[in-house]
Protein backbone atom coordinates (compact mmCIF):
# COMPACT_ATOMS: atom_id res chain seq x y z
CA MET A 1 174.59 37.17 28.95
CA SER A 2 171.32 37.81 28.16
CA ILE A 3 169.19 36.28 25.76
CA ALA A 4 166.35 37.76 26.17
CA PRO A 5 166.88 40.69 22.74
CA LEU A 6 167.46 37.22 20.80
CA ALA A 7 164.26 35.24 21.24
CA ARG A 8 162.16 39.21 20.91
CA LEU A 9 164.13 38.72 17.55
CA LEU A 10 162.84 35.19 16.94
CA GLU A 11 159.82 36.02 18.61
CA ARG A 12 158.97 38.94 15.96
CA VAL A 13 161.06 36.99 13.13
CA GLY A 14 158.19 33.82 13.57
CA SER A 15 155.49 36.08 13.56
CA GLN A 16 155.94 37.64 10.26
CA GLY A 17 156.85 34.57 9.20
CA GLU A 18 153.38 33.17 10.22
CA GLY A 19 151.39 35.91 8.45
CA LEU A 20 152.97 35.64 5.74
CA LEU A 21 152.31 31.89 5.06
CA ALA A 22 148.27 33.25 6.98
CA TYR A 23 148.32 35.39 3.39
CA LEU A 24 149.66 33.76 1.18
CA GLY A 25 147.09 30.49 2.19
CA GLY A 26 144.31 32.94 1.96
CA LEU A 27 145.39 34.49 -1.56
CA GLY A 28 145.39 30.44 -2.58
CA TYR A 29 142.00 30.11 -1.47
CA LEU A 30 140.60 32.86 -3.00
CA ALA A 31 142.85 31.76 -6.43
CA LEU A 32 141.14 28.41 -6.32
CA ASP A 33 137.67 29.79 -5.62
CA THR A 34 137.88 32.24 -8.24
CA LEU A 35 138.98 29.61 -10.86
CA LYS A 36 136.26 26.88 -9.60
CA TYR A 37 133.19 29.55 -10.16
CA THR A 38 134.91 30.79 -13.09
CA VAL A 39 134.46 27.16 -14.82
CA LEU A 40 131.34 26.86 -12.91
CA GLY A 41 129.89 30.23 -14.56
CA VAL A 42 130.76 28.68 -18.09
CA PHE A 43 129.25 25.40 -17.89
CA VAL A 44 126.83 25.25 -15.01
CA ARG A 45 123.98 27.77 -13.84
CA PRO A 46 124.35 30.39 -12.45
CA ARG A 47 126.10 31.57 -16.00
CA ILE A 48 128.54 34.13 -15.81
CA LYS A 49 127.37 38.46 -15.13
CA THR A 50 127.99 39.47 -18.77
CA ASN A 51 126.20 42.41 -18.27
CA GLU A 52 128.70 42.71 -14.59
CA THR A 53 131.78 41.74 -16.66
CA PHE A 54 131.18 44.29 -19.63
CA PHE A 55 130.63 47.03 -17.15
CA GLN A 56 134.15 46.19 -15.84
CA MET A 57 135.66 45.90 -18.63
CA VAL A 58 134.82 49.40 -19.39
CA ARG A 59 135.33 50.44 -16.10
CA LEU A 60 138.95 48.79 -15.96
CA GLY A 61 140.40 48.78 -18.95
CA VAL A 62 138.57 51.71 -21.61
CA ARG A 63 139.15 54.23 -19.50
CA ALA A 64 142.55 53.73 -18.65
CA ILE A 65 143.13 53.72 -22.17
CA PRO A 66 143.96 57.71 -22.89
CA ILE A 67 146.86 57.01 -19.37
CA VAL A 68 148.26 53.61 -20.90
CA VAL A 69 148.59 55.56 -24.49
CA LEU A 70 150.15 58.58 -22.65
CA VAL A 71 152.41 56.80 -20.91
CA GLN A 72 153.66 54.41 -22.87
CA THR A 73 154.55 56.85 -25.72
CA PHE A 74 156.52 59.11 -23.06
CA VAL A 75 158.39 55.73 -22.11
CA GLY A 76 159.51 54.94 -25.80
CA MET A 77 160.47 58.46 -26.33
CA ILE A 78 162.75 58.44 -23.05
CA LEU A 79 163.77 54.52 -24.33
CA ALA A 80 164.89 56.54 -28.22
CA PHE A 81 166.40 59.48 -26.53
CA GLN A 82 169.25 57.48 -23.95
CA LEU A 83 169.63 54.83 -26.34
CA ALA A 84 170.69 56.65 -29.76
CA PRO A 85 174.18 58.03 -28.46
CA VAL A 86 175.06 54.96 -26.87
CA LEU A 87 174.57 53.24 -30.09
CA ARG A 88 175.93 56.20 -32.21
CA ASP A 89 179.01 55.51 -30.31
CA TYR A 90 179.14 52.21 -32.15
CA GLY A 91 177.94 53.04 -35.45
CA GLN A 92 174.91 50.91 -35.04
CA GLU A 93 172.66 54.29 -34.47
CA GLY A 94 169.91 52.04 -36.92
CA LYS A 95 169.34 49.75 -34.21
CA VAL A 96 167.40 52.25 -31.99
CA GLY A 97 163.97 50.66 -33.70
CA THR A 98 165.28 47.36 -32.64
CA VAL A 99 166.24 47.81 -28.86
CA VAL A 100 162.94 49.97 -28.29
CA ALA A 101 160.90 47.51 -29.67
CA ILE A 102 162.34 44.78 -28.00
CA ALA A 103 161.88 46.11 -25.01
CA ILE A 104 158.84 47.51 -25.65
CA PHE A 105 157.29 43.93 -26.63
CA ARG A 106 158.85 41.96 -23.32
CA GLU A 107 159.08 43.87 -20.56
CA LEU A 108 157.92 47.71 -19.97
CA GLY A 109 154.46 47.20 -22.04
CA PRO A 110 153.17 44.48 -20.10
CA LEU A 111 154.88 45.55 -17.12
CA LEU A 112 153.96 49.39 -16.82
CA SER A 113 150.20 48.02 -18.21
CA ALA A 114 149.95 46.33 -15.27
CA ILE A 115 151.33 48.94 -13.02
CA VAL A 116 148.58 51.92 -14.46
CA LEU A 117 146.09 49.78 -13.97
CA THR A 118 147.32 48.87 -10.34
CA GLY A 119 146.51 52.17 -9.16
CA PHE A 120 143.64 52.63 -11.22
CA ALA A 121 142.05 49.71 -11.20
CA GLY A 122 143.19 47.75 -8.18
CA ALA A 123 142.76 50.55 -5.83
CA ALA A 124 139.13 50.96 -7.45
CA ILE A 125 138.25 47.23 -6.92
CA ALA A 126 139.79 47.12 -2.72
CA ALA A 127 137.68 50.42 -1.53
CA GLU A 128 134.27 48.86 -3.59
CA LEU A 129 134.72 45.50 -2.22
CA GLY A 130 135.89 47.14 1.57
CA THR A 131 132.58 49.71 1.59
CA MET A 132 130.50 46.60 0.62
CA VAL A 133 131.94 44.82 3.89
CA VAL A 134 131.80 47.75 5.84
CA GLY A 135 128.39 48.32 4.92
CA GLU A 136 127.42 45.23 5.44
CA GLU A 137 126.53 44.46 2.10
CA ILE A 138 128.93 41.27 1.54
CA ALA A 139 126.85 39.79 4.82
CA ALA A 140 123.53 40.37 3.74
CA MET A 141 124.82 38.33 -0.12
CA ARG A 142 125.86 35.70 2.30
CA THR A 143 122.34 35.24 4.06
CA SER A 144 120.94 35.67 0.55
CA ALA A 145 122.40 32.53 -0.77
CA ILE A 146 124.56 33.97 -2.85
CA HIS A 147 128.63 33.57 -3.05
CA PRO A 148 130.13 36.68 -3.18
CA ILE A 149 133.44 35.04 -5.24
CA ARG A 150 130.85 33.78 -8.34
CA PHE A 151 128.96 37.38 -8.28
CA LEU A 152 132.08 40.01 -7.49
CA VAL A 153 135.31 38.51 -7.45
CA VAL A 154 135.02 36.06 -11.19
CA PRO A 155 133.16 39.07 -13.15
CA ARG A 156 136.62 41.33 -12.51
CA VAL A 157 139.10 38.93 -12.92
CA ILE A 158 137.57 38.49 -16.09
CA ALA A 159 137.63 41.83 -17.05
CA ALA A 160 140.60 42.74 -15.88
CA ILE A 161 142.83 39.91 -17.34
CA LEU A 162 141.18 40.78 -20.99
CA MET A 163 141.75 44.46 -20.98
CA THR A 164 145.36 44.34 -19.53
CA VAL A 165 146.20 41.74 -22.50
CA SER A 166 144.45 44.50 -24.61
CA LEU A 167 145.89 47.38 -22.77
CA THR A 168 149.24 45.73 -23.21
CA ILE A 169 148.71 45.88 -26.94
CA ILE A 170 147.75 48.88 -27.30
CA ALA A 171 151.00 50.03 -25.01
CA ASP A 172 153.41 48.18 -27.47
CA ILE A 173 152.30 49.76 -30.61
CA VAL A 174 151.86 53.36 -28.97
CA GLY A 175 155.44 52.71 -27.36
CA THR A 176 157.13 51.56 -30.64
CA ALA A 177 155.59 54.68 -31.67
CA GLY A 178 156.90 56.94 -29.49
CA GLY A 179 160.88 55.46 -30.18
CA GLY A 180 159.42 56.34 -33.82
CA ILE A 181 158.69 60.13 -33.42
CA VAL A 182 161.97 60.81 -31.83
CA ASP A 183 163.71 58.36 -34.22
CA HIS A 184 161.93 60.45 -37.32
CA TYR A 185 162.29 64.12 -35.99
CA ILE A 186 165.46 64.42 -33.58
CA LEU A 187 167.12 61.24 -35.31
CA ARG A 188 166.21 62.26 -39.07
CA ARG A 189 165.57 59.08 -39.96
CA ASP A 190 163.19 57.68 -42.52
CA SER A 191 160.00 56.52 -40.42
CA TRP A 192 159.94 53.40 -43.09
CA GLU A 193 162.94 52.32 -41.97
CA TYR A 194 162.55 52.42 -38.42
CA PHE A 195 159.19 50.37 -39.53
CA HIS A 196 161.05 48.19 -40.65
CA THR A 197 163.51 47.75 -38.34
CA VAL A 198 160.74 47.39 -35.81
CA VAL A 199 159.10 44.68 -37.69
CA SER A 200 162.41 42.64 -39.08
CA SER A 201 163.74 42.20 -35.26
CA LEU A 202 160.36 40.94 -33.62
CA GLU A 203 159.54 37.63 -33.80
CA VAL A 204 156.41 36.12 -32.08
CA LYS A 205 157.98 35.28 -29.15
CA ASP A 206 158.86 38.53 -28.26
CA PHE A 207 155.06 38.92 -28.70
CA LEU A 208 153.45 36.72 -26.94
CA THR A 209 155.79 36.34 -23.48
CA GLY A 210 154.28 40.27 -22.95
CA LEU A 211 150.59 38.73 -23.56
CA ILE A 212 151.17 35.68 -20.73
CA LYS A 213 152.90 38.11 -18.79
CA SER A 214 149.80 41.05 -18.54
CA GLY A 215 147.47 38.12 -18.36
CA VAL A 216 149.38 36.79 -14.98
CA PHE A 217 149.74 40.71 -13.69
CA ALA A 218 146.11 41.12 -14.31
CA PHE A 219 145.38 38.05 -11.98
CA ILE A 220 148.04 38.54 -9.26
CA LEU A 221 146.78 42.37 -9.03
CA VAL A 222 142.75 41.70 -9.01
CA LEU A 223 143.87 39.09 -6.69
CA ILE A 224 145.06 40.69 -4.03
CA SER A 225 142.83 43.59 -4.70
CA CYS A 226 139.58 41.87 -3.95
CA TYR A 227 141.14 39.27 -1.01
CA GLU A 228 142.31 43.35 0.75
CA GLY A 229 139.30 44.29 0.02
CA LEU A 230 136.86 41.31 0.60
CA GLY A 231 139.28 41.39 4.35
CA VAL A 232 138.32 45.04 5.51
CA ALA A 233 137.78 45.36 9.07
CA GLY A 234 137.40 48.83 11.20
CA GLY A 235 135.28 51.23 9.23
CA ALA A 236 136.30 53.97 6.88
CA GLY A 237 139.90 53.63 8.16
CA GLY A 238 140.06 49.44 7.36
CA VAL A 239 138.96 50.41 3.47
CA GLY A 240 142.25 53.38 3.41
CA ARG A 241 144.62 50.83 4.64
CA ALA A 242 143.12 47.76 2.94
CA THR A 243 143.54 49.67 -0.95
CA THR A 244 147.08 51.86 0.19
CA ARG A 245 148.21 47.60 0.72
CA SER A 246 146.36 46.38 -1.88
CA VAL A 247 147.99 48.87 -4.51
CA VAL A 248 151.70 48.53 -2.56
CA LEU A 249 150.81 44.76 -2.57
CA SER A 250 150.20 44.20 -6.04
CA ILE A 251 152.99 46.06 -7.17
CA PHE A 252 155.43 44.30 -5.36
CA THR A 253 154.34 41.07 -6.54
CA ILE A 254 153.89 41.78 -10.07
CA VAL A 255 157.96 43.51 -10.40
CA ALA A 256 158.71 40.08 -8.71
CA ALA A 257 156.60 38.03 -11.31
CA ASP A 258 158.14 40.00 -13.68
CA CYS A 259 161.36 39.11 -12.58
CA ALA A 260 160.68 35.29 -12.62
CA PHE A 261 159.15 35.38 -16.11
CA THR A 262 162.38 36.75 -17.43
CA ALA A 263 164.52 34.46 -16.14
CA ALA A 264 162.21 31.50 -17.01
CA PHE A 265 162.22 32.74 -20.42
CA TYR A 266 165.64 33.49 -20.62
CA PHE A 267 166.66 29.51 -19.80
CA PHE A 268 164.12 27.50 -21.19
CA TRP A 269 162.53 29.87 -24.18
């Protein structure tokens, strides 16, 4: 029996595994450099460029508020519509606000906000940095002794983390309010009763877990987007491939991280 097919299979698996390890190693080095230059930017000159950071906050976060509000409002309404018949069968229709609030604050608020930002901001970061690589602007920065991670990556990471956490807070509020709209106008329940149910059912840990997740999700999406953008090769076509790859990998990694966080909080918090 020929072993050539098995050998080719093992060779392909080994090649893919080697590529994955190299990719994870590159992300690890980029993460360490980003953390190093963030700390140095706080305590050592040159400082973190506040103007660039605020510009990125507006570009990556403020402009994403309308789409996040719309998405989360509809998600809250969908949850209420889906939960009401099930809870009615058990005589617990008044618990719609409890389930909607916990689902939004713990999971859907941070997760959907990060996914929206991945398409809204992650793709833009990868395309922008990739275009700078193709145009040899990154090489020019290195020639001028300007480190691209310090001046390009760090402001985007700080802006993305701050704005993702802020967008998550907004998403929590409007998502829960979306459930309240259905509860009041469709289920014909008192709005104050819904509000009281939400407030009494939420705990501090429900709010904190969502914010912790959102910060980590933001770091993941910006790290992958910057890595893909800085690694562009092949001209304009490479920019397009890097942009697509950054969105796909960011969404996959964010969902996987959310699963890991949820399991950890379930067992240890």
